[in-house]
């Protein structure tokens, strides 16, 4: 019985040598699969470079070299209008600087009036003015990403910048519209619990302060211990909500980047399999042994 089993195993082992795929042997020495992207080889190489390059940014502004979108966006957060200069849309610069300048001036002016008069409407006007300046700054970054060179397939850098500036826009750029309600729903829910838990936290914090303060004639009906318990609970829930909001935001950015890369992902039509005998190294076995090596190409 043992002899028959050994003969059968040896016959199966040596028959593996004859099993080959319909393609040449040298094809198995290549990668298991191949993929191509929309970007060229030069562009793909530059994507793996350092996060930010001053020479690339300023060289792009001087139109002496090509600059990546990530470099332009990061540089334009400080040097406002850099994207527009790179895109040669100089007429937008007065609009951007004028809008930001007007917002900052209005914020400072209204804040001075609030300090002088004590009227809370000026405080509101000041906050709105600063928000308007920030909105113009944000719009300049978004405009730079939109006007950046267009390609046949989604550019991962564009998709990432879109998602950073406006959650869900990267998915729209990739053509995955069904994901937008999902991410917006998760963000809206996280922000809702963030605000609600913060309101409750501030409420119980005030009650605790009133219950423990000295010289307070009318104290709240809740005890200091109860107020402290609920204050800590809602503060913890608020922190969890902030973490959930940041996590959803980060996931949608990663999603936009990854699926932009996958838009032009191709699996080779060269699907094949190869079986051949192989010796198992001693470091992986207690004694010399032989086995079968299976090579897959797809």
C-alpha atoms as a PDB file:
ATOM      1  CA  UNK A   1       0.000   0.000   0.000  1.00  0.00           C
ATOM      2  CA  UNK A   2       2.816   2.377   0.947  1.00  0.00           C
ATOM      3  CA  UNK A   3       4.670   1.598  -2.268  1.00  0.00           C
ATOM      4  CA  UNK A   4       1.602   2.409  -4.388  1.00  0.00           C
ATOM      5  CA  UNK A   5       1.094   5.692  -2.555  1.00  0.00           C
ATOM      6  CA  UNK A   6       4.706   6.753  -3.137  1.00  0.00           C
ATOM      7  CA  UNK A   7       4.513   5.828  -6.832  1.00  0.00           C
ATOM      8  CA  UNK A   8       1.282   7.815  -7.214  1.00  0.00           C
ATOM      9  CA  UNK A   9       2.786  10.925  -5.533  1.00  0.00           C
ATOM     10  CA  UNK A  10       5.924  10.775  -7.682  1.00  0.00           C
ATOM     11  CA  UNK A  11       3.868  10.407 -10.840  1.00  0.00           C
ATOM     12  CA  UNK A  12       1.751  13.423  -9.900  1.00  0.00           C
ATOM     13  CA  UNK A  13       4.864  15.423  -9.013  1.00  0.00           C
ATOM     14  CA  UNK A  14       6.639  14.826 -12.296  1.00  0.00           C
ATOM     15  CA  UNK A  15       3.475  15.365 -14.292  1.00  0.00           C
ATOM     16  CA  UNK A  16       3.379  18.912 -12.921  1.00  0.00           C
ATOM     17  CA  UNK A  17       6.429  19.674 -15.021  1.00  0.00           C
ATOM     18  CA  UNK A  18       4.367  19.206 -18.161  1.00  0.00           C
ATOM     19  CA  UNK A  19       1.583  21.556 -17.009  1.00  0.00           C
ATOM     20  CA  UNK A  20       2.086  24.944 -18.585  1.00  0.00           C
ATOM     21  CA  UNK A  21      -0.192  27.815 -19.452  1.00  0.00           C
ATOM     22  CA  UNK A  22      -0.970  28.897 -22.947  1.00  0.00           C
ATOM     23  CA  UNK A  23       1.597  31.696 -22.733  1.00  0.00           C
ATOM     24  CA  UNK A  24       5.400  31.656 -22.733  1.00  0.00           C
ATOM     25  CA  UNK A  25       7.456  30.889 -19.618  1.00  0.00           C
ATOM     26  CA  UNK A  26       9.228  34.209 -19.619  1.00  0.00           C
ATOM     27  CA  UNK A  27       5.939  35.958 -18.949  1.00  0.00           C
ATOM     28  CA  UNK A  28       5.883  34.482 -15.450  1.00  0.00           C
ATOM     29  CA  UNK A  29       9.080  36.286 -14.584  1.00  0.00           C
ATOM     30  CA  UNK A  30       7.232  39.590 -14.802  1.00  0.00           C
ATOM     31  CA  UNK A  31       4.895  41.069 -12.251  1.00  0.00           C
ATOM     32  CA  UNK A  32       1.789  39.145 -11.270  1.00  0.00           C
ATOM     33  CA  UNK A  33      -0.370  41.859 -12.731  1.00  0.00           C
ATOM     34  CA  UNK A  34       0.080  45.132 -14.554  1.00  0.00           C
ATOM     35  CA  UNK A  35      -1.724  48.393 -14.181  1.00  0.00           C
ATOM     36  CA  UNK A  36      -1.674  51.732 -15.894  1.00  0.00           C
ATOM     37  CA  UNK A  37      -2.845  55.112 -14.781  1.00  0.00           C
ATOM     38  CA  UNK A  38      -4.090  58.196 -16.513  1.00  0.00           C
ATOM     39  CA  UNK A  39      -0.935  60.089 -15.641  1.00  0.00           C
ATOM     40  CA  UNK A  40       2.252  59.701 -17.614  1.00  0.00           C
ATOM     41  CA  UNK A  41       5.396  58.054 -16.253  1.00  0.00           C
ATOM     42  CA  UNK A  42       6.933  61.400 -15.473  1.00  0.00           C
ATOM     43  CA  UNK A  43       3.813  62.525 -13.676  1.00  0.00           C
ATOM     44  CA  UNK A  44       3.574  59.314 -11.698  1.00  0.00           C
ATOM     45  CA  UNK A  45       7.183  59.689 -10.625  1.00  0.00           C
ATOM     46  CA  UNK A  46       6.601  63.229  -9.466  1.00  0.00           C
ATOM     47  CA  UNK A  47       3.600  62.113  -7.379  1.00  0.00           C
ATOM     48  CA  UNK A  48       5.947  60.111  -5.160  1.00  0.00           C
ATOM     49  CA  UNK A  49       8.248  63.044  -4.542  1.00  0.00           C
ATOM     50  CA  UNK A  50       8.388  65.210  -1.440  1.00  0.00           C
ATOM     51  CA  UNK A  51       5.229  66.746  -0.087  1.00  0.00           C
ATOM     52  CA  UNK A  52       6.123  70.341  -0.926  1.00  0.00           C
ATOM     53  CA  UNK A  53       8.914  71.906  -2.965  1.00  0.00           C
ATOM     54  CA  UNK A  54       9.685  75.625  -2.899  1.00  0.00           C
ATOM     55  CA  UNK A  55      11.605  75.410  -6.160  1.00  0.00           C
ATOM     56  CA  UNK A  56       8.686  73.660  -7.837  1.00  0.00           C
ATOM     57  CA  UNK A  57       6.165  76.181  -6.496  1.00  0.00           C
ATOM     58  CA  UNK A  58       8.072  79.333  -7.404  1.00  0.00           C
ATOM     59  CA  UNK A  59       9.267  77.797 -10.653  1.00  0.00           C
ATOM     60  CA  UNK A  60       5.639  77.185 -11.534  1.00  0.00           C
ATOM     61  CA  UNK A  61       4.687  80.768 -10.670  1.00  0.00           C
ATOM     62  CA  UNK A  62       7.473  81.941 -12.970  1.00  0.00           C
ATOM     63  CA  UNK A  63       6.180  79.530 -15.654  1.00  0.00           C
ATOM     64  CA  UNK A  64       9.603  77.941 -15.924  1.00  0.00           C
ATOM     65  CA  UNK A  65       8.488  74.450 -14.976  1.00  0.00           C
ATOM     66  CA  UNK A  66       5.414  72.321 -14.419  1.00  0.00           C
ATOM     67  CA  UNK A  67       4.040  72.254 -10.866  1.00  0.00           C
ATOM     68  CA  UNK A  68       1.809  69.667  -9.273  1.00  0.00           C
ATOM     69  CA  UNK A  69      -1.590  70.658  -7.949  1.00  0.00           C
ATOM     70  CA  UNK A  70      -0.733  69.656  -4.385  1.00  0.00           C
ATOM     71  CA  UNK A  71       2.307  71.950  -4.436  1.00  0.00           C
ATOM     72  CA  UNK A  72       0.309  74.839  -5.866  1.00  0.00           C
ATOM     73  CA  UNK A  73      -2.508  74.409  -3.368  1.00  0.00           C
ATOM     74  CA  UNK A  74      -0.223  74.218  -0.348  1.00  0.00           C
ATOM     75  CA  UNK A  75       1.781  77.217  -1.520  1.00  0.00           C
ATOM     76  CA  UNK A  76      -1.349  79.219  -2.324  1.00  0.00           C
ATOM     77  CA  UNK A  77      -2.641  78.852   1.221  1.00  0.00           C
ATOM     78  CA  UNK A  78       0.119  81.296   2.201  1.00  0.00           C
ATOM     79  CA  UNK A  79       0.890  83.125  -1.052  1.00  0.00           C
ATOM     80  CA  UNK A  80      -2.699  83.852  -1.970  1.00  0.00           C
ATOM     81  CA  UNK A  81      -3.384  83.854  -5.697  1.00  0.00           C
ATOM     82  CA  UNK A  82      -0.553  81.498  -6.587  1.00  0.00           C
ATOM     83  CA  UNK A  83      -2.923  79.146  -8.385  1.00  0.00           C
ATOM     84  CA  UNK A  84      -4.291  81.984 -10.496  1.00  0.00           C
ATOM     85  CA  UNK A  85      -0.774  83.133 -11.398  1.00  0.00           C
ATOM     86  CA  UNK A  86       0.162  79.600 -12.466  1.00  0.00           C
ATOM     87  CA  UNK A  87      -3.010  79.362 -14.576  1.00  0.00           C
ATOM     88  CA  UNK A  88      -2.238  82.825 -16.062  1.00  0.00           C
ATOM     89  CA  UNK A  89      -5.571  84.231 -14.879  1.00  0.00           C
ATOM     90  CA  UNK A  90      -4.147  87.464 -13.546  1.00  0.00           C
ATOM     91  CA  UNK A  91      -7.460  89.313 -13.793  1.00  0.00           C
ATOM     92  CA  UNK A  92      -8.721  87.328 -10.807  1.00  0.00           C
ATOM     93  CA  UNK A  93      -6.022  88.640  -8.465  1.00  0.00           C
ATOM     94  CA  UNK A  94      -7.634  92.076  -7.811  1.00  0.00           C
ATOM     95  CA  UNK A  95     -10.931  90.331  -7.035  1.00  0.00           C
ATOM     96  CA  UNK A  96      -9.293  87.930  -4.589  1.00  0.00           C
ATOM     97  CA  UNK A  97      -7.120  90.488  -2.817  1.00  0.00           C
ATOM     98  CA  UNK A  98      -9.906  93.061  -2.841  1.00  0.00           C
ATOM     99  CA  UNK A  99     -12.394  90.624  -1.317  1.00  0.00           C
ATOM    100  CA  UNK A 100     -10.005  89.424   1.366  1.00  0.00           C
ATOM    101  CA  UNK A 101      -8.844  92.963   2.154  1.00  0.00           C
ATOM    102  CA  UNK A 102     -12.395  94.273   2.403  1.00  0.00           C
ATOM    103  CA  UNK A 103     -13.381  91.440   4.719  1.00  0.00           C
ATOM    104  CA  UNK A 104     -10.419  91.976   7.035  1.00  0.00           C
ATOM    105  CA  UNK A 105     -10.909  95.757   7.079  1.00  0.00           C
ATOM    106  CA  UNK A 106     -14.628  95.365   7.788  1.00  0.00           C
ATOM    107  CA  UNK A 107     -13.900  92.929  10.608  1.00  0.00           C
ATOM    108  CA  UNK A 108     -11.382  95.237  12.257  1.00  0.00           C
ATOM    109  CA  UNK A 109     -13.573  98.316  11.803  1.00  0.00           C
ATOM    110  CA  UNK A 110     -16.706  96.666  13.211  1.00  0.00           C
ATOM    111  CA  UNK A 111     -14.738  95.298  16.134  1.00  0.00           C
ATOM    112  CA  UNK A 112     -13.537  98.818  16.975  1.00  0.00           C
ATOM    113  CA  UNK A 113     -17.118 100.074  16.840  1.00  0.00           C
ATOM    114  CA  UNK A 114     -18.191  97.259  19.130  1.00  0.00           C
ATOM    115  CA  UNK A 115     -15.493  98.191  21.634  1.00  0.00           C
ATOM    116  CA  UNK A 116     -16.574 101.831  21.519  1.00  0.00           C
ATOM    117  CA  UNK A 117     -20.358 101.386  21.638  1.00  0.00           C
ATOM    118  CA  UNK A 118     -20.874  97.944  23.129  1.00  0.00           C
ATOM    119  CA  UNK A 119     -23.536  97.235  20.507  1.00  0.00           C
ATOM    120  CA  UNK A 120     -23.550  93.475  19.815  1.00  0.00           C
ATOM    121  CA  UNK A 121     -24.603  93.985  16.193  1.00  0.00           C
ATOM    122  CA  UNK A 122     -21.101  95.262  15.408  1.00  0.00           C
ATOM    123  CA  UNK A 123     -19.671  92.091  16.915  1.00  0.00           C
ATOM    124  CA  UNK A 124     -21.867  90.083  14.548  1.00  0.00           C
ATOM    125  CA  UNK A 125     -20.832  92.267  11.603  1.00  0.00           C
ATOM    126  CA  UNK A 126     -17.177  91.756  12.507  1.00  0.00           C
ATOM    127  CA  UNK A 127     -17.545  87.960  12.563  1.00  0.00           C
ATOM    128  CA  UNK A 128     -19.382  88.007   9.221  1.00  0.00           C
ATOM    129  CA  UNK A 129     -16.668  90.172   7.655  1.00  0.00           C
ATOM    130  CA  UNK A 130     -13.922  87.816   8.739  1.00  0.00           C
ATOM    131  CA  UNK A 131     -15.977  84.873   7.500  1.00  0.00           C
ATOM    132  CA  UNK A 132     -16.371  86.609   4.136  1.00  0.00           C
ATOM    133  CA  UNK A 133     -12.610  87.071   3.872  1.00  0.00           C
ATOM    134  CA  UNK A 134     -12.117  83.386   4.660  1.00  0.00           C
ATOM    135  CA  UNK A 135     -14.704  82.437   2.062  1.00  0.00           C
ATOM    136  CA  UNK A 136     -12.869  84.404  -0.637  1.00  0.00           C
ATOM    137  CA  UNK A 137      -9.608  82.711   0.371  1.00  0.00           C
ATOM    138  CA  UNK A 138     -11.285  79.292   0.224  1.00  0.00           C
ATOM    139  CA  UNK A 139     -12.791  80.182  -3.166  1.00  0.00           C
ATOM    140  CA  UNK A 140      -9.374  81.072  -4.556  1.00  0.00           C
ATOM    141  CA  UNK A 141      -8.073  77.598  -3.660  1.00  0.00           C
ATOM    142  CA  UNK A 142     -11.128  75.901  -5.135  1.00  0.00           C
ATOM    143  CA  UNK A 143     -10.884  77.974  -8.308  1.00  0.00           C
ATOM    144  CA  UNK A 144      -7.220  77.017  -8.678  1.00  0.00           C
ATOM    145  CA  UNK A 145      -8.073  73.325  -8.429  1.00  0.00           C
ATOM    146  CA  UNK A 146     -10.931  73.606 -10.945  1.00  0.00           C
ATOM    147  CA  UNK A 147      -8.854  75.546 -13.475  1.00  0.00           C
ATOM    148  CA  UNK A 148      -5.832  73.255 -13.194  1.00  0.00           C
ATOM    149  CA  UNK A 149      -4.979  71.316 -16.383  1.00  0.00           C
ATOM    150  CA  UNK A 150      -7.661  68.875 -17.448  1.00  0.00           C
ATOM    151  CA  UNK A 151      -7.046  65.196 -18.163  1.00  0.00           C
ATOM    152  CA  UNK A 152      -9.081  62.386 -19.686  1.00  0.00           C
ATOM    153  CA  UNK A 153      -9.258  60.491 -16.407  1.00  0.00           C
ATOM    154  CA  UNK A 154      -9.674  61.907 -12.879  1.00  0.00           C
ATOM    155  CA  UNK A 155      -6.473  63.300 -11.420  1.00  0.00           C
ATOM    156  CA  UNK A 156      -5.941  62.005  -7.849  1.00  0.00           C
ATOM    157  CA  UNK A 157      -4.484  65.343  -6.741  1.00  0.00           C
ATOM    158  CA  UNK A 158      -7.583  67.179  -7.948  1.00  0.00           C
ATOM    159  CA  UNK A 159      -9.901  64.720  -6.286  1.00  0.00           C
ATOM    160  CA  UNK A 160      -8.002  65.043  -3.010  1.00  0.00           C
ATOM    161  CA  UNK A 161      -8.004  68.845  -3.053  1.00  0.00           C
ATOM    162  CA  UNK A 162     -11.711  68.908  -3.875  1.00  0.00           C
ATOM    163  CA  UNK A 163     -12.505  66.651  -0.917  1.00  0.00           C
ATOM    164  CA  UNK A 164     -10.299  68.676   1.415  1.00  0.00           C
ATOM    165  CA  UNK A 165     -12.004  71.930   0.458  1.00  0.00           C
ATOM    166  CA  UNK A 166     -15.561  70.592   0.173  1.00  0.00           C
ATOM    167  CA  UNK A 167     -16.474  67.093   1.433  1.00  0.00           C
ATOM    168  CA  UNK A 168     -18.124  65.031  -1.278  1.00  0.00           C
ATOM    169  CA  UNK A 169     -16.854  67.084  -4.195  1.00  0.00           C
ATOM    170  CA  UNK A 170     -14.021  64.640  -4.827  1.00  0.00           C
ATOM    171  CA  UNK A 171     -16.588  61.861  -5.249  1.00  0.00           C
ATOM    172  CA  UNK A 172     -18.559  64.044  -7.671  1.00  0.00           C
ATOM    173  CA  UNK A 173     -15.372  64.664  -9.664  1.00  0.00           C
ATOM    174  CA  UNK A 174     -14.771  60.897  -9.801  1.00  0.00           C
ATOM    175  CA  UNK A 175     -18.327  60.345 -11.032  1.00  0.00           C
ATOM    176  CA  UNK A 176     -19.373  58.466  -7.871  1.00  0.00           C
ATOM    177  CA  UNK A 177     -22.397  60.591  -7.063  1.00  0.00           C
ATOM    178  CA  UNK A 178     -24.078  57.932  -4.913  1.00  0.00           C
ATOM    179  CA  UNK A 179     -21.408  58.372  -2.247  1.00  0.00           C
ATOM    180  CA  UNK A 180     -22.201  62.044  -1.649  1.00  0.00           C
ATOM    181  CA  UNK A 181     -25.467  61.511   0.331  1.00  0.00           C
ATOM    182  CA  UNK A 182     -23.699  58.822   2.374  1.00  0.00           C
ATOM    183  CA  UNK A 183     -20.798  61.044   3.436  1.00  0.00           C
ATOM    184  CA  UNK A 184     -22.948  64.137   3.895  1.00  0.00           C
ATOM    185  CA  UNK A 185     -25.380  62.124   6.021  1.00  0.00           C
ATOM    186  CA  UNK A 186     -22.553  60.826   8.213  1.00  0.00           C
ATOM    187  CA  UNK A 187     -21.051  64.305   8.528  1.00  0.00           C
ATOM    188  CA  UNK A 188     -24.420  65.901   9.301  1.00  0.00           C
ATOM    189  CA  UNK A 189     -25.145  63.280  11.953  1.00  0.00           C
ATOM    190  CA  UNK A 190     -21.723  63.692  13.550  1.00  0.00           C
ATOM    191  CA  UNK A 191     -21.988  67.485  13.588  1.00  0.00           C
ATOM    192  CA  UNK A 192     -25.533  67.277  15.003  1.00  0.00           C
ATOM    193  CA  UNK A 193     -24.400  65.146  17.949  1.00  0.00           C
ATOM    194  CA  UNK A 194     -21.358  67.394  18.357  1.00  0.00           C
ATOM    195  CA  UNK A 195     -23.516  70.510  18.717  1.00  0.00           C
ATOM    196  CA  UNK A 196     -26.196  68.826  20.827  1.00  0.00           C
ATOM    197  CA  UNK A 197     -23.727  67.267  23.249  1.00  0.00           C
ATOM    198  CA  UNK A 198     -21.825  70.529  23.522  1.00  0.00           C
ATOM    199  CA  UNK A 199     -25.042  72.382  24.430  1.00  0.00           C
ATOM    200  CA  UNK A 200     -25.788  69.820  27.146  1.00  0.00           C
ATOM    201  CA  UNK A 201     -22.192  69.984  28.356  1.00  0.00           C
ATOM    202  CA  UNK A 202     -22.326  73.769  28.676  1.00  0.00           C
ATOM    203  CA  UNK A 203     -25.682  73.496  30.450  1.00  0.00           C
ATOM    204  CA  UNK A 204     -24.498  71.021  33.077  1.00  0.00           C
ATOM    205  CA  UNK A 205     -21.223  72.871  33.458  1.00  0.00           C
ATOM    206  CA  UNK A 206     -23.165  76.023  34.352  1.00  0.00           C
ATOM    207  CA  UNK A 207     -25.354  74.075  36.799  1.00  0.00           C
ATOM    208  CA  UNK A 208     -22.270  72.590  38.454  1.00  0.00           C
ATOM    209  CA  UNK A 209     -20.665  76.013  38.743  1.00  0.00           C
ATOM    210  CA  UNK A 210     -23.842  77.417  40.289  1.00  0.00           C
ATOM    211  CA  UNK A 211     -24.092  74.498  42.705  1.00  0.00           C
ATOM    212  CA  UNK A 212     -20.503  74.886  43.916  1.00  0.00           C
ATOM    213  CA  UNK A 213     -20.095  78.661  43.797  1.00  0.00           C
ATOM    214  CA  UNK A 214     -20.001  80.626  47.021  1.00  0.00           C
ATOM    215  CA  UNK A 215     -22.456  83.403  47.785  1.00  0.00           C
ATOM    216  CA  UNK A 216     -25.171  82.165  45.415  1.00  0.00           C
ATOM    217  CA  UNK A 217     -28.576  82.712  46.983  1.00  0.00           C
ATOM    218  CA  UNK A 218     -30.666  80.515  44.681  1.00  0.00           C
ATOM    219  CA  UNK A 219     -29.008  77.226  43.854  1.00  0.00           C
ATOM    220  CA  UNK A 220     -30.196  74.786  41.139  1.00  0.00           C
ATOM    221  CA  UNK A 221     -32.276  71.784  42.244  1.00  0.00           C
ATOM    222  CA  UNK A 222     -29.622  69.334  41.031  1.00  0.00           C
ATOM    223  CA  UNK A 223     -26.809  68.441  43.397  1.00  0.00           C
ATOM    224  CA  UNK A 224     -23.181  69.222  42.610  1.00  0.00           C
ATOM    225  CA  UNK A 225     -22.409  65.493  42.263  1.00  0.00           C
ATOM    226  CA  UNK A 226     -25.235  64.969  39.749  1.00  0.00           C
ATOM    227  CA  UNK A 227     -24.218  68.039  37.765  1.00  0.00           C
ATOM    228  CA  UNK A 228     -20.595  66.897  37.704  1.00  0.00           C
ATOM    229  CA  UNK A 229     -21.581  63.429  36.483  1.00  0.00           C
ATOM    230  CA  UNK A 230     -23.676  64.715  33.558  1.00  0.00           C
ATOM    231  CA  UNK A 231     -21.136  67.406  32.744  1.00  0.00           C
ATOM    232  CA  UNK A 232     -18.410  64.792  32.331  1.00  0.00           C
ATOM    233  CA  UNK A 233     -20.710  62.450  30.384  1.00  0.00           C
ATOM    234  CA  UNK A 234     -21.732  65.068  27.821  1.00  0.00           C
ATOM    235  CA  UNK A 235     -18.175  66.346  27.519  1.00  0.00           C
ATOM    236  CA  UNK A 236     -17.056  62.813  26.669  1.00  0.00           C
ATOM    237  CA  UNK A 237     -19.896  62.409  24.156  1.00  0.00           C
ATOM    238  CA  UNK A 238     -18.974  65.755  22.595  1.00  0.00           C
ATOM    239  CA  UNK A 239     -15.369  64.649  22.190  1.00  0.00           C
ATOM    240  CA  UNK A 240     -16.504  61.385  20.596  1.00  0.00           C
ATOM    241  CA  UNK A 241     -18.662  63.379  18.177  1.00  0.00           C
ATOM    242  CA  UNK A 242     -15.712  65.583  17.223  1.00  0.00           C
ATOM    243  CA  UNK A 243     -13.602  62.479  16.629  1.00  0.00           C
ATOM    244  CA  UNK A 244     -16.349  60.907  14.492  1.00  0.00           C
ATOM    245  CA  UNK A 245     -16.651  64.090  12.408  1.00  0.00           C
ATOM    246  CA  UNK A 246     -12.895  64.199  11.794  1.00  0.00           C
ATOM    247  CA  UNK A 247     -12.849  60.478  10.953  1.00  0.00           C
ATOM    248  CA  UNK A 248     -15.653  60.730   8.379  1.00  0.00           C
ATOM    249  CA  UNK A 249     -13.954  63.777   6.835  1.00  0.00           C
ATOM    250  CA  UNK A 250     -10.647  61.914   6.581  1.00  0.00           C
ATOM    251  CA  UNK A 251     -12.258  58.780   5.129  1.00  0.00           C
ATOM    252  CA  UNK A 252     -13.980  60.699   2.336  1.00  0.00           C
ATOM    253  CA  UNK A 253     -10.668  62.367   1.424  1.00  0.00           C
ATOM    254  CA  UNK A 254      -8.907  58.986   1.269  1.00  0.00           C
ATOM    255  CA  UNK A 255     -11.821  57.499  -0.674  1.00  0.00           C
ATOM    256  CA  UNK A 256     -11.668  60.243  -3.290  1.00  0.00           C
ATOM    257  CA  UNK A 257      -7.912  59.836  -3.725  1.00  0.00           C
ATOM    258  CA  UNK A 258      -7.901  56.032  -3.937  1.00  0.00           C
ATOM    259  CA  UNK A 259     -10.803  55.723  -6.361  1.00  0.00           C
ATOM    260  CA  UNK A 260      -9.356  58.448  -8.588  1.00  0.00           C
ATOM    261  CA  UNK A 261      -6.268  56.244  -8.938  1.00  0.00           C
ATOM    262  CA  UNK A 262      -8.478  53.232  -9.658  1.00  0.00           C
ATOM    263  CA  UNK A 263     -10.413  54.930 -12.472  1.00  0.00           C
ATOM    264  CA  UNK A 264      -7.946  53.714 -15.096  1.00  0.00           C
ATOM    265  CA  UNK A 265      -6.824  50.565 -13.314  1.00  0.00           C
ATOM    266  CA  UNK A 266      -6.448  47.695 -15.766  1.00  0.00           C
ATOM    267  CA  UNK A 267      -5.979  43.985 -15.117  1.00  0.00           C
ATOM    268  CA  UNK A 268      -4.000  42.201 -17.821  1.00  0.00           C
ATOM    269  CA  UNK A 269      -5.887  39.928 -20.236  1.00  0.00           C
ATOM    270  CA  UNK A 270      -2.959  37.536 -19.962  1.00  0.00           C
ATOM    271  CA  UNK A 271      -4.562  35.130 -17.447  1.00  0.00           C
ATOM    272  CA  UNK A 272      -2.570  31.966 -16.905  1.00  0.00           C
ATOM    273  CA  UNK A 273      -1.332  29.455 -14.357  1.00  0.00           C
ATOM    274  CA  UNK A 274       1.852  27.422 -13.999  1.00  0.00           C
ATOM    275  CA  UNK A 275       2.574  24.445 -11.738  1.00  0.00           C
ATOM    276  CA  UNK A 276       6.067  23.105 -11.148  1.00  0.00           C
ATOM    277  CA  UNK A 277       7.903  21.098  -8.478  1.00  0.00           C
ATOM    278  CA  UNK A 278       9.729  23.036  -5.802  1.00  0.00           C
ATOM    279  CA  UNK A 279      11.997  22.261  -2.876  1.00  0.00           C
ATOM    280  CA  UNK A 280      10.971  23.607   0.524  1.00  0.00           C
ATOM    281  CA  UNK A 281      13.910  25.390   2.241  1.00  0.00           C
ATOM    282  CA  UNK A 282      15.135  23.945   5.520  1.00  0.00           C
ATOM    283  CA  UNK A 283      14.240  27.114   7.428  1.00  0.00           C
ATOM    284  CA  UNK A 284      10.583  26.400   6.668  1.00  0.00           C
ATOM    285  CA  UNK A 285      10.646  22.645   7.331  1.00  0.00           C
ATOM    286  CA  UNK A 286      12.180  20.339   9.910  1.00  0.00           C
ATOM    287  CA  UNK A 287      13.567  18.054   7.175  1.00  0.00           C
ATOM    288  CA  UNK A 288      14.150  18.294   3.420  1.00  0.00           C
ATOM    289  CA  UNK A 289      10.881  18.189   1.519  1.00  0.00           C
ATOM    290  CA  UNK A 290       9.466  18.775  -1.935  1.00  0.00           C
ATOM    291  CA  UNK A 291       6.223  20.340  -2.998  1.00  0.00           C
ATOM    292  CA  UNK A 292       4.405  22.026  -5.823  1.00  0.00           C
ATOM    293  CA  UNK A 293       4.829  25.692  -6.791  1.00  0.00           C
ATOM    294  CA  UNK A 294       1.789  27.371  -8.312  1.00  0.00           C
ATOM    295  CA  UNK A 295       2.266  30.586 -10.308  1.00  0.00           C
ATOM    296  CA  UNK A 296      -0.697  32.740 -11.201  1.00  0.00           C
ATOM    297  CA  UNK A 297      -0.774  35.614 -13.650  1.00  0.00           C
ATOM    298  CA  UNK A 298      -3.819  37.831 -14.089  1.00  0.00           C
END
